[in-house]
Amino acid sequence: QVQLVESGGGLVQAGGSLRLSCAASGGSFRSYAMGWFRQVPGKEREFVAATRWTGGSRYYAVHADSVKGRFSISRDIAKNTVYLQMNRLKPEDAAVYYCVADRNPGSQFPDVYEYWGQGTQVTVSS
């Protein structure tokens, strides 16, 4: 059974940094697309970043325009873990962040992803 467990959320001041982690278990995730979405109450889930395997040891990463240059997604294949380094955080980045995974190449659309973590809260004070 696939499980995704996020950690690293918390309260940070605007301009600060956080690193989210997502540990995957229940399979081998090397070829999975893995990524992050976020959601605030009353709004739809928003794509943040994703990676997908492109062969060998190469991964393709994509980031939403709203976080490009501030957030960076990475993976540790040996640990089945994906990270989201968040720098220069803004109050509008506050949300519940969800880790996602799927056997398929991945997408910026949430419905594509089969597996979701429980989410981790990120709060940014101004």
C-alpha atoms as a PDB file:
ATOM      1  CA  GLN A   1       0.000   0.000   0.000  1.00  0.00           C
ATOM      2  CA  VAL A   2       1.430   3.307  -1.087  1.00  0.00           C
ATOM      3  CA  GLN A   3       1.774   5.949   1.584  1.00  0.00           C
ATOM      4  CA  LEU A   4       3.050   9.495   1.357  1.00  0.00           C
ATOM      5  CA  VAL A   5       3.975  11.248   4.578  1.00  0.00           C
ATOM      6  CA  GLU A   6       4.784  14.935   4.554  1.00  0.00           C
ATOM      7  CA  SER A   7       6.779  16.818   7.149  1.00  0.00           C
ATOM      8  CA  GLY A   8       8.481  20.161   7.580  1.00  0.00           C
ATOM      9  CA  GLY A   9       5.550  22.524   7.631  1.00  0.00           C
ATOM     10  CA  GLY A  10       5.204  25.220  10.244  1.00  0.00           C
ATOM     11  CA  LEU A  11       5.117  28.929  10.947  1.00  0.00           C
ATOM     12  CA  VAL A  12       7.652  31.218   9.332  1.00  0.00           C
ATOM     13  CA  GLN A  13       7.995  34.942   8.852  1.00  0.00           C
ATOM     14  CA  ALA A  14       7.670  36.435   5.405  1.00  0.00           C
ATOM     15  CA  GLY A  15      11.005  36.235   3.652  1.00  0.00           C
ATOM     16  CA  GLY A  16      11.973  33.090   5.527  1.00  0.00           C
ATOM     17  CA  SER A  17      12.505  29.537   4.355  1.00  0.00           C
ATOM     18  CA  LEU A  18      11.117  26.080   4.965  1.00  0.00           C
ATOM     19  CA  ARG A  19      11.897  22.687   3.524  1.00  0.00           C
ATOM     20  CA  LEU A  20       9.110  20.195   3.131  1.00  0.00           C
ATOM     21  CA  SER A  21       9.804  16.488   2.894  1.00  0.00           C
ATOM     22  CA  CYS A  22       7.649  13.683   1.613  1.00  0.00           C
ATOM     23  CA  ALA A  23       8.610  10.103   2.359  1.00  0.00           C
ATOM     24  CA  ALA A  24       7.011   7.506   0.128  1.00  0.00           C
ATOM     25  CA  SER A  25       6.565   3.874   1.080  1.00  0.00           C
ATOM     26  CA  GLY A  26       4.886   0.792  -0.287  1.00  0.00           C
ATOM     27  CA  GLY A  27       6.674   0.615  -3.610  1.00  0.00           C
ATOM     28  CA  SER A  28       9.559   1.696  -5.750  1.00  0.00           C
ATOM     29  CA  PHE A  29       9.061   5.274  -6.805  1.00  0.00           C
ATOM     30  CA  ARG A  30      11.992   5.828  -9.102  1.00  0.00           C
ATOM     31  CA  SER A  31       9.832   6.090 -12.214  1.00  0.00           C
ATOM     32  CA  TYR A  32       6.904   7.804 -10.515  1.00  0.00           C
ATOM     33  CA  ALA A  33       6.012  11.384 -11.041  1.00  0.00           C
ATOM     34  CA  MET A  34       6.102  13.108  -7.660  1.00  0.00           C
ATOM     35  CA  GLY A  35       5.248  16.616  -6.720  1.00  0.00           C
ATOM     36  CA  TRP A  36       3.478  19.131  -4.559  1.00  0.00           C
ATOM     37  CA  PHE A  37       0.132  20.885  -4.577  1.00  0.00           C
ATOM     38  CA  ARG A  38      -1.240  23.381  -2.108  1.00  0.00           C
ATOM     39  CA  GLN A  39      -4.670  24.447  -1.013  1.00  0.00           C
ATOM     40  CA  VAL A  40      -6.232  27.213   1.031  1.00  0.00           C
ATOM     41  CA  PRO A  41      -9.779  27.025   2.382  1.00  0.00           C
ATOM     42  CA  GLY A  42     -12.379  27.815  -0.232  1.00  0.00           C
ATOM     43  CA  LYS A  43     -10.013  27.464  -3.158  1.00  0.00           C
ATOM     44  CA  GLU A  44      -9.061  24.665  -5.496  1.00  0.00           C
ATOM     45  CA  ARG A  45      -5.840  22.778  -5.149  1.00  0.00           C
ATOM     46  CA  GLU A  46      -3.024  24.619  -6.844  1.00  0.00           C
ATOM     47  CA  PHE A  47      -0.050  23.047  -8.573  1.00  0.00           C
ATOM     48  CA  VAL A  48       3.297  23.969  -7.026  1.00  0.00           C
ATOM     49  CA  ALA A  49       5.988  21.720  -8.490  1.00  0.00           C
ATOM     50  CA  ALA A  50       6.579  18.239  -9.867  1.00  0.00           C
ATOM     51  CA  THR A  51       9.298  15.943 -11.098  1.00  0.00           C
ATOM     52  CA  ARG A  52       9.159  13.047 -13.485  1.00  0.00           C
ATOM     53  CA  TRP A  53      11.697  10.460 -14.533  1.00  0.00           C
ATOM     54  CA  THR A  54      13.158  10.911 -17.990  1.00  0.00           C
ATOM     55  CA  GLY A  55      15.426   7.860 -18.003  1.00  0.00           C
ATOM     56  CA  GLY A  56      18.645   6.770 -16.358  1.00  0.00           C
ATOM     57  CA  SER A  57      19.270   9.074 -13.427  1.00  0.00           C
ATOM     58  CA  ARG A  58      17.631  12.098 -15.021  1.00  0.00           C
ATOM     59  CA  TYR A  59      14.539  13.866 -13.763  1.00  0.00           C
ATOM     60  CA  TYR A  60      12.581  16.705 -15.242  1.00  0.00           C
ATOM     61  CA  ALA A  61      11.320  19.353 -12.814  1.00  0.00           C
ATOM     62  CA  VAL A  62       8.652  21.954 -13.360  1.00  0.00           C
ATOM     63  CA  HIS A  63       7.531  24.741 -11.048  1.00  0.00           C
ATOM     64  CA  ALA A  64       4.471  26.932 -11.072  1.00  0.00           C
ATOM     65  CA  ASP A  65       5.089  30.486 -12.197  1.00  0.00           C
ATOM     66  CA  SER A  66       4.017  31.768  -8.802  1.00  0.00           C
ATOM     67  CA  VAL A  67       6.914  29.984  -7.078  1.00  0.00           C
ATOM     68  CA  LYS A  68       9.534  29.888  -9.813  1.00  0.00           C
ATOM     69  CA  GLY A  69      12.851  31.217  -8.582  1.00  0.00           C
ATOM     70  CA  ARG A  70      11.817  30.837  -4.930  1.00  0.00           C
ATOM     71  CA  PHE A  71      10.869  27.158  -4.572  1.00  0.00           C
ATOM     72  CA  SER A  72      12.836  24.158  -5.721  1.00  0.00           C
ATOM     73  CA  ILE A  73      11.757  20.538  -5.906  1.00  0.00           C
ATOM     74  CA  SER A  74      14.249  17.700  -5.592  1.00  0.00           C
ATOM     75  CA  ARG A  75      14.322  13.964  -4.982  1.00  0.00           C
ATOM     76  CA  ASP A  76      16.423  11.460  -3.125  1.00  0.00           C
ATOM     77  CA  ILE A  77      15.832   8.232  -5.000  1.00  0.00           C
ATOM     78  CA  ALA A  78      17.523   6.021  -2.430  1.00  0.00           C
ATOM     79  CA  LYS A  79      15.268   7.383   0.307  1.00  0.00           C
ATOM     80  CA  ASN A  80      12.088   7.490  -1.791  1.00  0.00           C
ATOM     81  CA  THR A  81      11.757  11.084  -0.692  1.00  0.00           C
ATOM     82  CA  VAL A  82      10.848  14.277  -2.474  1.00  0.00           C
ATOM     83  CA  TYR A  83      11.626  17.704  -1.082  1.00  0.00           C
ATOM     84  CA  LEU A  84      10.336  21.200  -1.602  1.00  0.00           C
ATOM     85  CA  GLN A  85      12.754  23.921  -0.623  1.00  0.00           C
ATOM     86  CA  MET A  86      10.793  27.130  -0.142  1.00  0.00           C
ATOM     87  CA  ASN A  87      12.696  30.388   0.054  1.00  0.00           C
ATOM     88  CA  ARG A  88      11.586  34.025   0.272  1.00  0.00           C
ATOM     89  CA  LEU A  89       8.191  32.926   1.493  1.00  0.00           C
ATOM     90  CA  LYS A  90       5.261  35.279   1.103  1.00  0.00           C
ATOM     91  CA  PRO A  91       1.981  35.432   3.043  1.00  0.00           C
ATOM     92  CA  GLU A  92       0.203  34.191  -0.082  1.00  0.00           C
ATOM     93  CA  ASP A  93       2.242  30.984   0.083  1.00  0.00           C
ATOM     94  CA  ALA A  94       0.411  29.984   3.258  1.00  0.00           C
ATOM     95  CA  ALA A  95      -1.580  26.816   2.601  1.00  0.00           C
ATOM     96  CA  VAL A  96      -1.778  23.124   3.272  1.00  0.00           C
ATOM     97  CA  TYR A  97       0.860  21.500   1.106  1.00  0.00           C
ATOM     98  CA  TYR A  98       0.182  18.050  -0.287  1.00  0.00           C
ATOM     99  CA  CYS A  99       2.663  15.564  -1.654  1.00  0.00           C
ATOM    100  CA  VAL A 100       1.500  13.598  -4.693  1.00  0.00           C
ATOM    101  CA  ALA A 101       2.717  10.630  -6.703  1.00  0.00           C
ATOM    102  CA  ASP A 102       1.622   8.727  -9.766  1.00  0.00           C
ATOM    103  CA  ARG A 103       2.969   6.010 -12.048  1.00  0.00           C
ATOM    104  CA  ASN A 104       2.241   8.156 -15.085  1.00  0.00           C
ATOM    105  CA  PRO A 105       4.459  11.051 -16.235  1.00  0.00           C
ATOM    106  CA  GLY A 106       2.612  13.589 -14.140  1.00  0.00           C
ATOM    107  CA  SER A 107       0.861  16.855 -14.772  1.00  0.00           C
ATOM    108  CA  GLN A 108      -0.078  20.204 -13.331  1.00  0.00           C
ATOM    109  CA  PHE A 109      -3.631  18.929 -12.887  1.00  0.00           C
ATOM    110  CA  PRO A 110      -4.430  17.356  -9.517  1.00  0.00           C
ATOM    111  CA  ASP A 111      -6.828  14.710 -10.851  1.00  0.00           C
ATOM    112  CA  VAL A 112      -3.935  12.990 -12.610  1.00  0.00           C
ATOM    113  CA  TYR A 113      -2.290  11.937  -9.371  1.00  0.00           C
ATOM    114  CA  GLU A 114      -3.414   8.711  -7.748  1.00  0.00           C
ATOM    115  CA  TYR A 115      -1.605   9.057  -4.434  1.00  0.00           C
ATOM    116  CA  TRP A 116      -1.851  11.948  -1.982  1.00  0.00           C
ATOM    117  CA  GLY A 117      -0.371  12.608   1.414  1.00  0.00           C
ATOM    118  CA  GLN A 118      -2.342  14.007   4.316  1.00  0.00           C
ATOM    119  CA  GLY A 119      -0.861  17.465   3.939  1.00  0.00           C
ATOM    120  CA  THR A 120       1.311  19.727   6.032  1.00  0.00           C
ATOM    121  CA  GLN A 121       0.370  23.260   7.042  1.00  0.00           C
ATOM    122  CA  VAL A 122       2.571  26.173   6.078  1.00  0.00           C
ATOM    123  CA  THR A 123       1.798  29.501   7.730  1.00  0.00           C
ATOM    124  CA  VAL A 124       3.586  32.698   6.736  1.00  0.00           C
ATOM    125  CA  SER A 125       3.306  35.737   8.968  1.00  0.00           C
ATOM    126  CA  SER A 126       3.671  39.196   7.503  1.00  0.00           C
END
